[in-house]
């Protein structure tokens, strides 16, 4: 059953043997084993880690062509792939296209996007994204705040980080060891 193939491919992917997963996926296709959304998501993840973002998007095309509905795992993996490739602006554009097409993203998706924006040093854009999603698209969580607070502290903007920390507390989002470590480091 395809579920068993998904477990095998997932295990190989977790060992970071991405080319092996791609090879085995091609072998499955040659043997007329029809993939499911899980195995296709695994393949997208492998292509993203291999830096082959165009091939990852071609798998998205297959998903749509075969009548599957991309889920948040599919979309978040593509966003992460774009961010890993340094194409954060494309990730933001992709995000906007997804929203326009009626897709909903979750906290993991937004955490990934905020992390990508912070990694290119655009803390202001990350804060704007946090404000944009707040309550409308999803609820911000401690991971999103921690990412921005850490980035602000690393850029020596500690007072802004403390302001964000206060905002987080007011919203009832509990700080954790990562939050406090970032602020202490700052």
N, C-alpha and C. Protein backbone atom coordinates (compact mmCIF):
# COMPACT_ATOMS: atom_id res chain seq x y z
N UNK A 1 0.83 -1.21 0.00
CA UNK A 1 0.00 0.00 0.00
C UNK A 1 0.87 1.27 0.00
N UNK A 2 0.35 2.30 -0.59
CA UNK A 2 1.10 3.55 -0.71
C UNK A 2 1.48 4.11 0.66
N UNK A 3 0.69 3.81 1.69
CA UNK A 3 1.00 4.29 3.04
C UNK A 3 2.36 3.75 3.49
N UNK A 4 2.65 2.50 3.15
CA UNK A 4 3.93 1.89 3.52
C UNK A 4 5.08 2.59 2.79
N UNK A 5 4.87 2.91 1.52
CA UNK A 5 5.89 3.65 0.77
C UNK A 5 6.14 5.02 1.41
N UNK A 6 5.06 5.64 1.87
CA UNK A 6 5.18 6.94 2.54
C UNK A 6 6.02 6.84 3.80
N UNK A 7 5.82 5.77 4.56
CA UNK A 7 6.61 5.58 5.78
C UNK A 7 8.09 5.38 5.45
N UNK A 8 8.35 4.58 4.43
CA UNK A 8 9.74 4.32 4.03
C UNK A 8 10.40 5.60 3.53
N UNK A 9 9.73 6.30 2.62
CA UNK A 9 10.29 7.54 2.07
C UNK A 9 10.48 8.57 3.17
N UNK A 10 9.52 8.66 4.10
CA UNK A 10 9.62 9.60 5.21
C UNK A 10 10.83 9.30 6.09
N UNK A 11 11.07 8.03 6.35
CA UNK A 11 12.22 7.64 7.17
C UNK A 11 13.54 7.98 6.48
N UNK A 12 13.60 7.71 5.19
CA UNK A 12 14.82 8.02 4.43
C UNK A 12 15.03 9.53 4.38
N UNK A 13 13.94 10.28 4.23
CA UNK A 13 14.04 11.73 4.21
C UNK A 13 14.57 12.26 5.55
N UNK A 14 14.08 11.70 6.65
CA UNK A 14 14.53 12.15 7.97
C UNK A 14 16.02 11.90 8.18
N UNK A 15 16.56 10.91 7.46
CA UNK A 15 18.00 10.64 7.53
C UNK A 15 18.78 11.57 6.58
N UNK A 16 18.04 12.46 5.92
CA UNK A 16 18.61 13.46 5.00
C UNK A 16 19.24 12.85 3.75
N UNK A 17 18.72 11.71 3.33
CA UNK A 17 19.16 11.07 2.09
C UNK A 17 18.20 11.48 0.97
N UNK A 18 18.18 12.76 0.69
CA UNK A 18 17.21 13.33 -0.25
C UNK A 18 17.33 12.75 -1.66
N UNK A 19 18.54 12.60 -2.21
CA UNK A 19 18.63 12.02 -3.56
C UNK A 19 18.05 10.60 -3.63
N UNK A 20 18.18 9.85 -2.55
CA UNK A 20 17.64 8.49 -2.53
C UNK A 20 16.12 8.52 -2.60
N UNK A 21 15.52 9.46 -1.89
CA UNK A 21 14.05 9.59 -1.93
C UNK A 21 13.60 9.95 -3.35
N UNK A 22 14.32 10.86 -3.99
CA UNK A 22 13.96 11.25 -5.35
C UNK A 22 14.08 10.04 -6.28
N UNK A 23 15.16 9.30 -6.14
CA UNK A 23 15.38 8.11 -6.97
C UNK A 23 14.26 7.09 -6.76
N UNK A 24 13.95 6.80 -5.50
CA UNK A 24 12.90 5.81 -5.20
C UNK A 24 11.53 6.29 -5.68
N UNK A 25 11.27 7.57 -5.62
CA UNK A 25 10.01 8.11 -6.12
C UNK A 25 9.89 7.89 -7.62
N UNK A 26 11.00 8.09 -8.32
CA UNK A 26 11.00 7.85 -9.78
C UNK A 26 10.78 6.36 -10.06
N UNK A 27 11.40 5.50 -9.26
CA UNK A 27 11.20 4.05 -9.43
C UNK A 27 9.74 3.67 -9.19
N UNK A 28 9.13 4.27 -8.19
CA UNK A 28 7.71 4.00 -7.93
C UNK A 28 6.87 4.40 -9.13
N UNK A 29 7.17 5.56 -9.69
CA UNK A 29 6.43 6.05 -10.85
C UNK A 29 6.58 5.11 -12.04
N UNK A 30 7.82 4.60 -12.25
CA UNK A 30 8.07 3.65 -13.34
C UNK A 30 7.31 2.34 -13.15
N UNK A 31 7.07 1.98 -11.90
CA UNK A 31 6.34 0.73 -11.59
C UNK A 31 4.83 0.98 -11.49
N UNK A 32 4.40 2.17 -11.89
CA UNK A 32 2.98 2.55 -11.89
C UNK A 32 2.36 2.56 -10.50
N UNK A 33 3.18 2.85 -9.49
CA UNK A 33 2.67 3.02 -8.13
C UNK A 33 2.25 4.47 -7.99
N UNK A 34 0.97 4.69 -7.80
CA UNK A 34 0.43 6.05 -7.77
C UNK A 34 0.71 6.67 -6.41
N UNK A 35 1.39 7.82 -6.39
CA UNK A 35 1.69 8.48 -5.11
C UNK A 35 0.44 9.11 -4.52
N UNK A 36 0.50 9.34 -3.22
CA UNK A 36 -0.57 10.10 -2.57
C UNK A 36 0.00 11.45 -2.14
N UNK A 37 -0.81 12.25 -1.49
CA UNK A 37 -0.37 13.59 -1.09
C UNK A 37 0.83 13.52 -0.15
N UNK A 38 0.85 12.54 0.74
CA UNK A 38 1.96 12.42 1.69
C UNK A 38 3.28 12.17 0.95
N UNK A 39 3.27 11.21 0.03
CA UNK A 39 4.52 10.91 -0.69
C UNK A 39 4.94 12.08 -1.58
N UNK A 40 3.98 12.79 -2.12
CA UNK A 40 4.30 13.96 -2.94
C UNK A 40 4.86 15.09 -2.07
N UNK A 41 4.32 15.26 -0.87
CA UNK A 41 4.87 16.26 0.05
C UNK A 41 6.30 15.92 0.45
N UNK A 42 6.57 14.64 0.65
CA UNK A 42 7.93 14.20 0.98
C UNK A 42 8.86 14.54 -0.18
N UNK A 43 8.41 14.30 -1.40
CA UNK A 43 9.22 14.61 -2.58
C UNK A 43 9.48 16.11 -2.69
N UNK A 44 8.47 16.92 -2.43
CA UNK A 44 8.64 18.38 -2.44
C UNK A 44 9.70 18.78 -1.42
N UNK A 45 9.62 18.23 -0.23
CA UNK A 45 10.58 18.54 0.83
C UNK A 45 12.00 18.19 0.39
N UNK A 46 12.17 17.04 -0.23
CA UNK A 46 13.50 16.62 -0.68
C UNK A 46 14.04 17.58 -1.74
N UNK A 47 13.21 17.93 -2.71
CA UNK A 47 13.65 18.87 -3.74
C UNK A 47 14.04 20.21 -3.13
N UNK A 48 13.28 20.66 -2.14
CA UNK A 48 13.60 21.93 -1.48
C UNK A 48 14.95 21.85 -0.78
N UNK A 49 15.20 20.75 -0.08
CA UNK A 49 16.49 20.60 0.61
C UNK A 49 17.65 20.43 -0.36
N UNK A 50 17.36 19.95 -1.56
CA UNK A 50 18.40 19.82 -2.58
C UNK A 50 18.60 21.13 -3.36
N UNK A 51 17.79 22.14 -3.01
CA UNK A 51 17.90 23.44 -3.68
C UNK A 51 17.26 23.46 -5.05
N UNK A 52 16.43 22.48 -5.34
CA UNK A 52 15.78 22.38 -6.64
C UNK A 52 14.32 22.82 -6.52
N UNK A 53 14.17 24.10 -6.24
CA UNK A 53 12.84 24.64 -5.96
C UNK A 53 11.91 24.54 -7.17
N UNK A 54 12.46 24.65 -8.38
CA UNK A 54 11.61 24.52 -9.57
C UNK A 54 11.00 23.12 -9.67
N UNK A 55 11.79 22.11 -9.31
CA UNK A 55 11.25 20.74 -9.33
C UNK A 55 10.22 20.56 -8.22
N UNK A 56 10.42 21.22 -7.09
CA UNK A 56 9.43 21.17 -6.01
C UNK A 56 8.10 21.74 -6.49
N UNK A 57 8.16 22.85 -7.22
CA UNK A 57 6.93 23.45 -7.73
C UNK A 57 6.31 22.60 -8.85
N UNK A 58 7.13 21.85 -9.56
CA UNK A 58 6.57 20.95 -10.58
C UNK A 58 5.79 19.82 -9.91
N UNK A 59 6.22 19.40 -8.71
CA UNK A 59 5.45 18.41 -7.97
C UNK A 59 4.11 19.01 -7.52
N UNK A 60 4.13 20.29 -7.15
CA UNK A 60 2.86 20.97 -6.83
C UNK A 60 1.93 20.92 -8.03
N UNK A 61 2.47 21.13 -9.21
CA UNK A 61 1.65 21.05 -10.44
C UNK A 61 1.04 19.67 -10.59
N UNK A 62 1.84 18.63 -10.31
CA UNK A 62 1.32 17.25 -10.37
C UNK A 62 0.19 17.06 -9.37
N UNK A 63 0.37 17.60 -8.18
CA UNK A 63 -0.65 17.48 -7.14
C UNK A 63 -1.98 18.03 -7.65
N UNK A 64 -1.92 19.21 -8.24
CA UNK A 64 -3.13 19.85 -8.75
C UNK A 64 -3.69 19.08 -9.96
N UNK A 65 -2.80 18.63 -10.83
CA UNK A 65 -3.21 17.91 -12.04
C UNK A 65 -3.92 16.60 -11.68
N UNK A 66 -3.44 15.93 -10.64
CA UNK A 66 -4.03 14.66 -10.24
C UNK A 66 -5.24 14.82 -9.35
N UNK A 67 -5.65 16.05 -9.10
CA UNK A 67 -6.87 16.29 -8.35
C UNK A 67 -6.73 16.30 -6.84
N UNK A 68 -5.51 16.28 -6.35
CA UNK A 68 -5.31 16.40 -4.90
C UNK A 68 -5.42 17.86 -4.50
N UNK A 69 -5.79 18.09 -3.25
CA UNK A 69 -5.85 19.44 -2.71
C UNK A 69 -4.60 19.66 -1.87
N UNK A 70 -3.73 20.61 -2.26
CA UNK A 70 -2.54 20.86 -1.43
C UNK A 70 -2.95 21.25 -0.02
N UNK A 71 -2.24 20.71 0.96
CA UNK A 71 -2.56 21.05 2.35
C UNK A 71 -1.50 22.01 2.90
N UNK A 72 -1.63 22.35 4.17
CA UNK A 72 -0.68 23.31 4.74
C UNK A 72 0.74 22.76 4.76
N UNK A 73 0.88 21.43 4.83
CA UNK A 73 2.23 20.84 4.77
C UNK A 73 2.85 21.12 3.40
N UNK A 74 2.08 20.92 2.35
CA UNK A 74 2.56 21.18 0.99
C UNK A 74 3.01 22.64 0.86
N UNK A 75 2.13 23.54 1.26
CA UNK A 75 2.37 24.96 1.05
C UNK A 75 3.49 25.49 1.95
N UNK A 76 3.53 25.03 3.19
CA UNK A 76 4.58 25.47 4.12
C UNK A 76 5.94 24.96 3.65
N UNK A 77 5.98 23.74 3.13
CA UNK A 77 7.23 23.18 2.63
C UNK A 77 7.76 24.00 1.47
N UNK A 78 6.87 24.43 0.59
CA UNK A 78 7.30 25.27 -0.54
C UNK A 78 7.78 26.64 -0.05
N UNK A 79 7.08 27.21 0.92
CA UNK A 79 7.51 28.49 1.49
C UNK A 79 8.89 28.34 2.12
N UNK A 80 9.08 27.26 2.87
CA UNK A 80 10.38 27.01 3.50
C UNK A 80 11.46 26.81 2.44
N UNK A 81 11.12 26.10 1.38
CA UNK A 81 12.08 25.88 0.30
C UNK A 81 12.53 27.18 -0.34
N UNK A 82 11.58 28.07 -0.58
CA UNK A 82 11.94 29.38 -1.14
C UNK A 82 12.83 30.16 -0.17
N UNK A 83 12.50 30.11 1.11
CA UNK A 83 13.31 30.82 2.11
C UNK A 83 14.70 30.22 2.21
N UNK A 84 14.81 28.89 2.18
CA UNK A 84 16.12 28.23 2.23
C UNK A 84 16.98 28.63 1.04
N UNK A 85 16.34 28.86 -0.07
CA UNK A 85 17.05 29.23 -1.31
C UNK A 85 17.37 30.73 -1.34
N UNK A 86 16.95 31.45 -0.28
CA UNK A 86 17.20 32.88 -0.24
C UNK A 86 16.22 33.70 -1.04
N UNK A 87 15.11 33.09 -1.40
CA UNK A 87 14.10 33.76 -2.22
C UNK A 87 12.90 34.14 -1.36
N UNK A 88 13.17 34.91 -0.32
CA UNK A 88 12.14 35.27 0.65
C UNK A 88 11.07 36.14 0.01
N UNK A 89 11.47 37.04 -0.86
CA UNK A 89 10.47 37.90 -1.53
C UNK A 89 9.53 37.05 -2.38
N UNK A 90 10.06 36.01 -3.03
CA UNK A 90 9.19 35.09 -3.78
C UNK A 90 8.28 34.32 -2.84
N UNK A 91 8.80 33.98 -1.65
CA UNK A 91 7.96 33.29 -0.66
C UNK A 91 6.80 34.18 -0.23
N UNK A 92 7.07 35.46 -0.02
CA UNK A 92 6.01 36.41 0.35
C UNK A 92 5.00 36.56 -0.78
N UNK A 93 5.49 36.62 -2.01
CA UNK A 93 4.61 36.73 -3.17
C UNK A 93 3.75 35.46 -3.30
N UNK A 94 4.38 34.30 -3.10
CA UNK A 94 3.67 33.02 -3.14
C UNK A 94 2.58 33.00 -2.06
N UNK A 95 2.92 33.49 -0.87
CA UNK A 95 1.96 33.59 0.23
C UNK A 95 0.75 34.43 -0.18
N UNK A 96 1.02 35.58 -0.78
CA UNK A 96 -0.06 36.47 -1.20
C UNK A 96 -0.95 35.80 -2.26
N UNK A 97 -0.32 35.07 -3.19
CA UNK A 97 -1.09 34.35 -4.21
C UNK A 97 -1.97 33.27 -3.58
N UNK A 98 -1.42 32.58 -2.59
CA UNK A 98 -2.20 31.54 -1.92
C UNK A 98 -3.43 32.13 -1.24
N UNK A 99 -3.24 33.26 -0.54
CA UNK A 99 -4.37 33.90 0.12
C UNK A 99 -5.42 34.34 -0.90
N UNK A 100 -4.96 34.89 -2.02
CA UNK A 100 -5.89 35.34 -3.06
C UNK A 100 -6.69 34.17 -3.64
N UNK A 101 -6.08 32.97 -3.62
CA UNK A 101 -6.76 31.79 -4.16
C UNK A 101 -7.59 31.07 -3.10
N UNK A 102 -7.64 31.64 -1.89
CA UNK A 102 -8.50 31.08 -0.86
C UNK A 102 -7.86 30.04 0.05
N UNK A 103 -6.57 29.82 -0.08
CA UNK A 103 -5.89 28.87 0.81
C UNK A 103 -5.69 29.51 2.17
N UNK A 104 -5.73 28.67 3.21
CA UNK A 104 -5.46 29.14 4.57
C UNK A 104 -4.18 28.50 5.05
N UNK A 105 -3.36 29.30 5.68
CA UNK A 105 -2.12 28.80 6.24
C UNK A 105 -2.23 28.76 7.75
N UNK A 106 -1.34 28.01 8.39
CA UNK A 106 -1.42 27.85 9.83
C UNK A 106 -0.24 28.54 10.52
N UNK A 107 -0.14 28.33 11.83
CA UNK A 107 0.92 28.97 12.61
C UNK A 107 2.31 28.52 12.15
N UNK A 108 2.44 27.26 11.77
CA UNK A 108 3.74 26.77 11.29
C UNK A 108 4.13 27.49 10.00
N UNK A 109 3.16 27.67 9.11
CA UNK A 109 3.41 28.38 7.85
C UNK A 109 3.91 29.79 8.11
N UNK A 110 3.22 30.50 8.99
CA UNK A 110 3.59 31.88 9.28
C UNK A 110 4.89 31.95 10.08
N UNK A 111 5.11 30.99 10.95
CA UNK A 111 6.38 30.95 11.67
C UNK A 111 7.54 30.77 10.71
N UNK A 112 7.35 29.93 9.70
CA UNK A 112 8.36 29.69 8.67
C UNK A 112 8.62 30.96 7.87
N UNK A 113 7.55 31.63 7.49
CA UNK A 113 7.68 32.86 6.70
C UNK A 113 8.35 33.97 7.51
N UNK A 114 7.95 34.12 8.76
CA UNK A 114 8.55 35.14 9.63
C UNK A 114 10.03 34.84 9.83
N UNK A 115 10.39 33.57 10.01
CA UNK A 115 11.78 33.18 10.16
C UNK A 115 12.59 33.55 8.91
N UNK A 116 12.03 33.28 7.75
CA UNK A 116 12.71 33.62 6.51
C UNK A 116 12.93 35.11 6.37
N UNK A 117 11.92 35.89 6.72
CA UNK A 117 12.01 37.35 6.63
C UNK A 117 13.07 37.87 7.62
N UNK A 118 13.10 37.29 8.81
CA UNK A 118 14.10 37.70 9.81
C UNK A 118 15.51 37.34 9.35
N UNK A 119 15.66 36.18 8.74
CA UNK A 119 16.99 35.73 8.32
C UNK A 119 17.64 36.66 7.30
N UNK A 120 16.83 37.38 6.53
CA UNK A 120 17.41 38.35 5.59
C UNK A 120 17.51 39.74 6.21
N UNK A 121 17.27 39.82 7.53
CA UNK A 121 17.46 41.07 8.25
C UNK A 121 16.31 42.06 8.15
N UNK A 122 15.18 41.60 7.69
CA UNK A 122 14.02 42.49 7.51
C UNK A 122 13.07 42.40 8.71
N UNK A 123 13.57 42.81 9.87
CA UNK A 123 12.74 42.68 11.08
C UNK A 123 11.47 43.53 11.01
N UNK A 124 11.56 44.67 10.37
CA UNK A 124 10.36 45.53 10.24
C UNK A 124 9.28 44.79 9.44
N UNK A 125 9.71 44.14 8.36
CA UNK A 125 8.75 43.39 7.54
C UNK A 125 8.18 42.22 8.32
N UNK A 126 8.99 41.59 9.18
CA UNK A 126 8.52 40.48 10.01
C UNK A 126 7.47 40.97 11.00
N UNK A 127 7.72 42.12 11.60
CA UNK A 127 6.74 42.70 12.54
C UNK A 127 5.46 43.05 11.80
N UNK A 128 5.58 43.62 10.60
CA UNK A 128 4.39 43.94 9.80
C UNK A 128 3.60 42.68 9.48
N UNK A 129 4.30 41.61 9.14
CA UNK A 129 3.62 40.34 8.85
C UNK A 129 2.91 39.82 10.09
N UNK A 130 3.56 39.93 11.23
CA UNK A 130 2.95 39.52 12.49
C UNK A 130 1.67 40.31 12.75
N UNK A 131 1.72 41.60 12.53
CA UNK A 131 0.53 42.46 12.72
C UNK A 131 -0.58 42.09 11.72
N UNK A 132 -0.16 41.77 10.51
CA UNK A 132 -1.12 41.45 9.45
C UNK A 132 -1.89 40.17 9.75
N UNK A 133 -1.20 39.16 10.30
CA UNK A 133 -1.86 37.89 10.55
C UNK A 133 -2.65 37.89 11.85
N UNK A 134 -2.31 38.77 12.76
CA UNK A 134 -2.86 38.77 14.12
C UNK A 134 -4.38 38.72 14.13
N UNK A 135 -4.91 37.53 14.40
CA UNK A 135 -6.35 37.37 14.54
C UNK A 135 -7.13 37.27 13.25
N UNK A 136 -6.54 37.72 12.16
CA UNK A 136 -7.25 37.66 10.89
C UNK A 136 -6.94 36.38 10.13
N UNK A 137 -5.66 36.05 10.05
CA UNK A 137 -5.26 34.87 9.30
C UNK A 137 -5.00 33.68 10.22
N UNK A 138 -4.39 33.93 11.34
CA UNK A 138 -4.18 32.93 12.38
C UNK A 138 -3.75 33.68 13.65
N UNK A 139 -3.68 32.99 14.74
CA UNK A 139 -3.23 33.61 15.98
C UNK A 139 -1.72 33.50 16.10
N UNK A 140 -1.04 34.60 16.35
CA UNK A 140 0.41 34.53 16.56
C UNK A 140 0.72 33.65 17.77
N UNK A 141 1.88 33.00 17.74
CA UNK A 141 2.26 32.16 18.87
C UNK A 141 3.66 32.54 19.36
N UNK A 142 4.11 31.84 20.38
CA UNK A 142 5.40 32.17 21.01
C UNK A 142 6.55 32.00 20.03
N UNK A 143 6.45 31.05 19.11
CA UNK A 143 7.54 30.82 18.14
C UNK A 143 7.71 32.05 17.24
N UNK A 144 6.61 32.59 16.77
CA UNK A 144 6.67 33.77 15.91
C UNK A 144 7.31 34.95 16.66
N UNK A 145 6.83 35.18 17.87
CA UNK A 145 7.38 36.27 18.68
C UNK A 145 8.86 36.02 18.98
N UNK A 146 9.20 34.79 19.36
CA UNK A 146 10.60 34.48 19.67
C UNK A 146 11.52 34.75 18.50
N UNK A 147 11.07 34.39 17.32
CA UNK A 147 11.89 34.58 16.12
C UNK A 147 12.22 36.05 15.93
N UNK A 148 11.20 36.89 16.06
CA UNK A 148 11.41 38.33 15.86
C UNK A 148 12.21 38.93 17.02
N UNK A 149 11.89 38.53 18.24
CA UNK A 149 12.63 39.04 19.40
C UNK A 149 14.11 38.68 19.28
N UNK A 150 14.40 37.45 18.91
CA UNK A 150 15.79 37.02 18.74
C UNK A 150 16.49 37.84 17.66
N UNK A 151 15.80 38.05 16.56
CA UNK A 151 16.38 38.84 15.46
C UNK A 151 16.64 40.28 15.90
N UNK A 152 15.70 40.88 16.61
CA UNK A 152 15.88 42.24 17.10
C UNK A 152 17.07 42.32 18.05
N UNK A 153 17.17 41.35 18.95
CA UNK A 153 18.28 41.35 19.91
C UNK A 153 19.62 41.19 19.21
N UNK A 154 19.67 40.34 18.21
CA UNK A 154 20.92 40.14 17.47
C UNK A 154 21.33 41.39 16.70
N UNK A 155 20.35 42.22 16.37
CA UNK A 155 20.64 43.47 15.66
C UNK A 155 20.80 44.64 16.64
N UNK A 156 20.90 44.32 17.93
CA UNK A 156 21.11 45.31 19.00
C UNK A 156 19.92 46.25 19.18
N UNK A 157 18.73 45.78 18.82
CA UNK A 157 17.50 46.56 18.99
C UNK A 157 16.73 46.00 20.19
N UNK A 158 17.39 45.99 21.34
CA UNK A 158 16.88 45.34 22.53
C UNK A 158 15.61 46.02 23.05
N UNK A 159 15.54 47.33 23.01
CA UNK A 159 14.33 48.00 23.51
C UNK A 159 13.11 47.62 22.67
N UNK A 160 13.30 47.49 21.35
CA UNK A 160 12.19 47.05 20.50
C UNK A 160 11.81 45.61 20.82
N UNK A 161 12.82 44.79 21.11
CA UNK A 161 12.56 43.41 21.49
C UNK A 161 11.77 43.35 22.79
N UNK A 162 12.13 44.20 23.73
CA UNK A 162 11.41 44.25 25.02
C UNK A 162 9.97 44.72 24.82
N UNK A 163 9.77 45.66 23.91
CA UNK A 163 8.41 46.12 23.61
C UNK A 163 7.58 44.96 23.03
N UNK A 164 8.19 44.19 22.14
CA UNK A 164 7.49 43.04 21.56
C UNK A 164 7.21 41.99 22.62
N UNK A 165 8.16 41.81 23.54
CA UNK A 165 7.98 40.89 24.66
C UNK A 165 6.79 41.33 25.51
N UNK A 166 6.68 42.63 25.79
CA UNK A 166 5.55 43.16 26.57
C UNK A 166 4.23 42.93 25.84
N UNK A 167 4.25 43.19 24.53
CA UNK A 167 3.04 42.98 23.72
C UNK A 167 2.61 41.51 23.78
N UNK A 168 3.58 40.63 23.70
CA UNK A 168 3.31 39.20 23.76
C UNK A 168 2.64 38.84 25.09
N UNK A 169 3.17 39.39 26.17
CA UNK A 169 2.61 39.11 27.50
C UNK A 169 1.19 39.63 27.63
N UNK A 170 0.94 40.84 27.10
CA UNK A 170 -0.40 41.43 27.14
C UNK A 170 -1.40 40.55 26.40
N UNK A 171 -0.95 39.93 25.32
CA UNK A 171 -1.84 39.07 24.51
C UNK A 171 -2.03 37.70 25.14
N UNK A 172 -1.37 37.47 26.27
CA UNK A 172 -1.55 36.19 26.95
C UNK A 172 -0.70 35.06 26.38
N UNK A 173 0.33 35.42 25.63
CA UNK A 173 1.24 34.42 25.08
C UNK A 173 2.40 34.27 26.05
N UNK A 174 2.52 33.11 26.63
CA UNK A 174 3.54 32.88 27.66
C UNK A 174 4.94 32.77 27.05
N UNK A 175 5.85 33.49 27.66
CA UNK A 175 7.25 33.41 27.25
C UNK A 175 7.80 32.05 27.65
N UNK A 176 8.86 31.63 26.96
CA UNK A 176 9.52 30.38 27.33
C UNK A 176 11.03 30.61 27.42
N UNK A 177 11.77 29.56 27.58
CA UNK A 177 13.22 29.67 27.76
C UNK A 177 13.89 30.34 26.55
N UNK A 178 13.34 30.11 25.36
CA UNK A 178 13.89 30.73 24.15
C UNK A 178 13.71 32.24 24.20
N UNK A 179 12.54 32.67 24.64
CA UNK A 179 12.26 34.11 24.76
C UNK A 179 13.25 34.77 25.71
N UNK A 180 13.35 34.19 26.90
CA UNK A 180 14.23 34.78 27.92
C UNK A 180 15.71 34.72 27.50
N UNK A 181 16.10 33.64 26.86
CA UNK A 181 17.49 33.51 26.41
C UNK A 181 17.82 34.58 25.37
N UNK A 182 16.91 34.83 24.46
CA UNK A 182 17.13 35.86 23.43
C UNK A 182 17.29 37.23 24.08
N UNK A 183 16.42 37.55 25.01
CA UNK A 183 16.47 38.85 25.66
C UNK A 183 17.73 38.99 26.52
N UNK A 184 18.07 37.95 27.26
CA UNK A 184 19.30 37.98 28.06
C UNK A 184 20.51 38.14 27.16
N UNK A 185 20.54 37.40 26.07
CA UNK A 185 21.64 37.51 25.11
C UNK A 185 21.73 38.94 24.56
N UNK A 186 20.56 39.52 24.27
CA UNK A 186 20.53 40.89 23.75
C UNK A 186 21.01 41.89 24.77
